[in-house]
C-alpha atoms as a PDB file:
ATOM      1  CA  MET A   1      -7.572 -15.459 -17.096  1.00  0.00           C
ATOM      2  CA  THR A   2      -9.555 -16.923 -14.263  1.00  0.00           C
ATOM      3  CA  GLY A   3     -10.157 -13.606 -12.553  1.00  0.00           C
ATOM      4  CA  GLU A   4      -8.776 -14.881  -9.240  1.00  0.00           C
ATOM      5  CA  ARG A   5      -8.253 -11.838  -7.042  1.00  0.00           C
ATOM      6  CA  GLN A   6      -6.176 -11.569  -3.888  1.00  0.00           C
ATOM      7  CA  VAL A   7      -5.375  -8.814  -1.423  1.00  0.00           C
ATOM      8  CA  ARG A   8      -1.956  -8.824   0.206  1.00  0.00           C
ATOM      9  CA  LEU A   9      -0.552  -6.603   2.939  1.00  0.00           C
ATOM     10  CA  ARG A  10       3.196  -6.012   3.082  1.00  0.00           C
ATOM     11  CA  LEU A  11       5.056  -4.080   5.765  1.00  0.00           C
ATOM     12  CA  GLY A  12       8.082  -2.247   4.422  1.00  0.00           C
ATOM     13  CA  THR A  13       9.969   1.009   4.096  1.00  0.00           C
ATOM     14  CA  ARG A  14      10.222   3.594   1.358  1.00  0.00           C
ATOM     15  CA  ALA A  15      13.030   5.975   0.606  1.00  0.00           C
ATOM     16  CA  VAL A  16      12.540   9.529  -0.588  1.00  0.00           C
ATOM     17  CA  SER A  17      15.298  11.814  -1.811  1.00  0.00           C
ATOM     18  CA  ILE A  18      14.929  15.410  -0.631  1.00  0.00           C
ATOM     19  CA  PRO A  19      17.032  18.543  -1.089  1.00  0.00           C
ATOM     20  CA  ALA A  20      19.416  19.145   1.830  1.00  0.00           C
ATOM     21  CA  GLY A  21      21.991  21.887   1.867  1.00  0.00           C
ATOM     22  CA  LYS A  22      23.936  21.687  -1.416  1.00  0.00           C
ATOM     23  CA  GLY A  23      23.008  18.075  -2.042  1.00  0.00           C
ATOM     24  CA  ARG A  24      20.251  15.607  -1.385  1.00  0.00           C
ATOM     25  CA  GLU A  25      19.369  13.466   1.598  1.00  0.00           C
ATOM     26  CA  GLU A  26      17.539  10.157   1.624  1.00  0.00           C
ATOM     27  CA  VAL A  27      14.753   9.794   4.177  1.00  0.00           C
ATOM     28  CA  ARG A  28      13.310   6.349   4.930  1.00  0.00           C
ATOM     29  CA  TYR A  29       9.930   5.744   6.509  1.00  0.00           C
ATOM     30  CA  ALA A  30       7.777   2.740   7.358  1.00  0.00           C
ATOM     31  CA  GLY A  31       4.437   1.854   5.866  1.00  0.00           C
ATOM     32  CA  VAL A  32       2.131  -0.862   4.612  1.00  0.00           C
ATOM     33  CA  SER A  33       1.542  -1.698   0.953  1.00  0.00           C
ATOM     34  CA  VAL A  34      -1.966  -2.910   0.154  1.00  0.00           C
ATOM     35  CA  LEU A  35      -1.527  -4.989  -3.004  1.00  0.00           C
ATOM     36  CA  ARG A  36      -4.315  -5.978  -5.393  1.00  0.00           C
ATOM     37  CA  VAL A  37      -3.337  -9.088  -7.337  1.00  0.00           C
ATOM     38  CA  GLU A  38      -5.340 -10.683 -10.135  1.00  0.00           C
ATOM     39  CA  ASP A  39      -4.303 -14.023 -11.640  1.00  0.00           C
ATOM     40  CA  GLY A  40      -0.899 -13.619  -9.987  1.00  0.00           C
ATOM     41  CA  ASP A  41      -0.252 -10.172 -11.515  1.00  0.00           C
ATOM     42  CA  LEU A  42      -0.045  -6.978  -9.464  1.00  0.00           C
ATOM     43  CA  VAL A  43      -2.762  -4.638 -10.730  1.00  0.00           C
ATOM     44  CA  GLU A  44      -2.706  -1.914  -8.078  1.00  0.00           C
ATOM     45  CA  GLN A  45      -0.739  -0.909  -5.011  1.00  0.00           C
ATOM     46  CA  THR A  46      -1.670   1.556  -2.294  1.00  0.00           C
ATOM     47  CA  TRP A  47       0.995   2.816   0.118  1.00  0.00           C
ATOM     48  CA  VAL A  48      -0.120   3.754   3.624  1.00  0.00           C
ATOM     49  CA  PRO A  49       2.670   5.362   5.673  1.00  0.00           C
ATOM     50  CA  VAL A  50       2.781   4.648   9.394  1.00  0.00           C
ATOM     51  CA  GLY A  51       4.879   6.340  12.018  1.00  0.00           C
ATOM     52  CA  THR A  52       6.954   4.743  14.749  1.00  0.00           C
ATOM     53  CA  ALA A  53       4.001   5.374  17.057  1.00  0.00           C
ATOM     54  CA  PRO A  54       0.963   4.884  14.785  1.00  0.00           C
ATOM     55  CA  THR A  55      -1.979   7.149  15.493  1.00  0.00           C
ATOM     56  CA  TYR A  56      -5.705   6.558  15.244  1.00  0.00           C
ATOM     57  CA  ALA A  57      -5.587   8.336  11.863  1.00  0.00           C
ATOM     58  CA  ASP A  58      -2.861   5.904  10.670  1.00  0.00           C
ATOM     59  CA  ASP A  59      -5.054   2.969  11.716  1.00  0.00           C
ATOM     60  CA  GLU A  60      -8.108   4.417   9.974  1.00  0.00           C
ATOM     61  CA  ALA A  61      -6.173   5.061   6.734  1.00  0.00           C
ATOM     62  CA  LEU A  62      -4.927   1.469   6.659  1.00  0.00           C
ATOM     63  CA  ILE A  63      -8.375   0.048   7.433  1.00  0.00           C
ATOM     64  CA  ALA A  64      -9.937   2.163   4.651  1.00  0.00           C
ATOM     65  CA  ALA A  65      -7.348   1.026   2.075  1.00  0.00           C
ATOM     66  CA  TRP A  66      -7.689  -2.607   3.160  1.00  0.00           C
ATOM     67  CA  HIS A  67     -11.500  -2.439   3.099  1.00  0.00           C
ATOM     68  CA  SER A  68     -11.489  -0.981  -0.417  1.00  0.00           C
ATOM     69  CA  ALA A  69      -9.151  -3.736  -1.616  1.00  0.00           C
ATOM     70  CA  LEU A  70     -11.272  -6.446  -0.003  1.00  0.00           C
ATOM     71  CA  ARG A  71     -14.386  -5.098  -1.725  1.00  0.00           C
ATOM     72  CA  TRP A  72     -12.466  -5.150  -5.022  1.00  0.00           C
ATOM     73  CA  SER A  73     -11.401  -8.780  -4.404  1.00  0.00           C
ATOM     74  CA  HIS A  74     -15.036  -9.877  -4.087  1.00  0.00           C
ATOM     75  CA  SER A  75     -16.364  -7.866  -7.035  1.00  0.00           C
ATOM     76  CA  ARG A  76     -16.763  -9.243 -10.520  1.00  0.00           C
ATOM     77  CA  SER A  77     -13.704  -9.237 -12.728  1.00  0.00           C
ATOM     78  CA  ASP A  78     -13.685  -6.694 -15.563  1.00  0.00           C
ATOM     79  CA  ALA A  79     -12.674  -9.482 -17.967  1.00  0.00           C
END
């Protein structure tokens, strides 16, 4: 292991199954995955949901997750 760390952002959607009437309904919503990758392997993923009209709070949540991942990418490897 070289300890090479990368941070990747990926825009996508998630699906959640919820109870609805006598069955279930699938709800899809948009968000950003903040991926922490070391030596090509995914080691952690943080999901930050965003609405169709992102708010200041949405922006701040994404910035905080991204900042944390960037700090991780520049820290020493645990290996």
